[in-house]
Amino acid sequence: MTKKQSMDSVPWFPIGMVGIFLLSLALRFWGLERFNTLVFDEVYFAKFGNNYLTNTPFFNAHPPLSQYIIGIGIWLASHFPFWQEPVNGLTGSMLSPWSYRWLNALTGSFIPLVVAAIAYQISHRRSFALLAGLFTACDGIFLVESRYALNNIYIVIFGLLGQWFLLLALDNQKHRRTLWLVLAGISFGASAGTKWNGLWFLLGAYFIWVAAWLIRSLNFFKLSSSPASSPSSPSPSPQTPLQNLTQLNIFQMLFYLGIIPAMIYSVIWIPHLQLDKKYGFIEVHRQILQFHLNMGGNTRDVHPYCAAWYKWPLLTRPMAYYYQTTQSFSDPLPVMGPNLPSGAAKVIYDVHAMGNPLLWWFGVAAMLFLVGMLLAKIAIPAIKNKRLSIPEKLTVDTWIALYLVLNYAANLLPWVKVTRCVFIYHYMCAVVFVFLAIAWFVDQCLRSYYWQLRAMGVTLTFLILAAFIYWMPIYLGLPLSSDGYKLRMLFNSWI
C-alpha cells in the first residue's frame, strides 16, 4: 500500500466530526457552574423550568417547550447528583447552577453537527460539511447561549433539524420520504413551540420550495415556446436533494409542513395550560402578543442593549449578560452586588453575547457574494436576451446559493417590521446560514486550481480560529485585566 492510499484509507471525515463535537462539548461544560447566580434571562427560564417541577403557576411570555426541557434537566440532575456544589435558592429551590445549565450545554454541543449535516446534505461534500461544523463551533454567541439556562439554542436546533429532515426526505422516496417529512414537521413545530420566530425556519422551507417551482415553471414555458425544441435527454441523477423539491406538491407541503407543525405546537402547550388555568389556549396567546407589543420601541431608553435588525449582521451592538469586577485575581469569584469604581476595578469578569467578529464579518461578505452570484445568473441572461431567463439546469452551487440566501432572508427580513425592542440574540436563527455561506466560500477556495485562492481559504480559516481564541475569555467569563478587557472591546458600542 502506498503512502497516498494509506492516507486515503484514514476516516478523516468521522474523525473530524467527532473532534468538532468534543471541542463543542468541552467548551460548553468547562466551568459550567461558574457564577453561582442567575445570569441574564436565567432569572426567567431557570425559574420557569423549576416551576414546572414545584407545580407553581406562572405567566410565560414565550411558548413553553424550552422551559420544559430545562425542568427535565433539573429533575435529572436531582436524581444523578454530580457537580452539585455550589448551590443557590434563586430559582425557588436549592439548586446548583450546573443542574439548570447542563442540558442546554449538551444540546448546544450538537448544533455544529446539525449544521455540518445540512452542509453535507445539500452538497455531498465532506470538506464543506467539516468547515461548516468547525465554524459553527467557533462562534461566540452560540457558546454563551449554550452555557446558561436560556432558550435560543432550542429554536435553532429544532429549526435546523426541520431543515435537515426535509433535505433527507427529498433524498428518499415513498415510505422513507413520509417518515422524514413527518419528522421535519415535528421539528418545525418544536421550534415554534420554543419561540414564535422559530416559524422563520419553516418559512425558509416554503421559500426554497416556491423558488424551485418558479424555476421549473419558467423553464417549462421557455421550452414550450421554443419553435424547434428537440426531445430532452434523460436528466442525470440529482447531485443535491434541492433538485427534488418539485416532487413535493402543495398538499404534501400543507399537511407535513403545515398541519403537523400546528398540531405539535398545540400539544406542547397542554402541560403549561394544565398548570396555569388562568388563561385558555387562545387567551394566553393574546396575552403574550400584548406583552411583546407593550415592550416599547427599539431605543436605549427602553433597554441599553436594544439593537435593531440592521445592526446584527455587522455586530455593532453585542450584549453583556454578566459583568462583575474585583481588585485582584485572587479575590473570590463575584456573583452579585455593585461593581467597583472604574479606577479600583483591576479584574473584570464579563460574559458577552457576541459572535466571533471575523466569522460574522467574513460570513456577511460571503452571503453578499452568493447574492451577487444569483443575480448574475438571472441579470446577465436577462440583459442579453431582453427577458427574464433562468438556466435550464442549475448547478449544485447555484442551488446551494439559493438555499442559503432564501433561508437567511426568511430568518432576518421579518424583523424589519418589528418595532419593539429586540436584541442581537434574535439573529441566531439567521446567522447559522452565514456560517454555511463562509464555509462554502472557503471550501471553494481550498478546492481551487489557483494557489492564491487556496491560500486565501487557509488564511480565512486560521483568522476565524484565532479570533475565536482571542475573544474566548468574554464568552466563558474568564478573568481579564482592565487592559485585556479594553483590547477586546474594539468599539464603544460593544461595551
Foldseek 3Di string as FASTA:
>chain_A
DDPVVVVVPPPVLVVLVVVLLVLLLCLQPPPLLAFFDAWFCCLPLVLLLVCLVVLNADFDLFQCPLSVQLVVLLVVCVVVVDPFPDWDCSSVRTGGQCSSQVSLSNLLSCLLVLLLLLLCQLAVDSLLSSLLSNLSSLKQLSSQRSSGSDQLSLLQVLLSLLVNLCSVLLVDDDPSVVVSLLSSLLSLLSSCSRGVLSCLSLVLVVQLLVVLVVLVVQVVVVQVPDPDHDDDDDDDDDSHSSNSSPVDDPVSCCVSNNVSSVVNSVVSCVSSCVSHVPDDPVVSVVVSVVVQVPQDFQDCVSPVQFDALVCQLQQLAWAWRDKEFDQDPPDPRDRDDDHDPPVRGFKMFTAISTILNLLSVLLVVLLVVLVVVLCCQFVVVCVVVVHTDHDSDDDSVNSLSSSLNSSLCSQRVVRNPDGHGDHNSSNVNNCSSSSSSSSVQLVCLCPDPDVVSVVVSVVSSVVSNVSSVLCVSNSSRNMDTPVSVVVNCPDPSHD
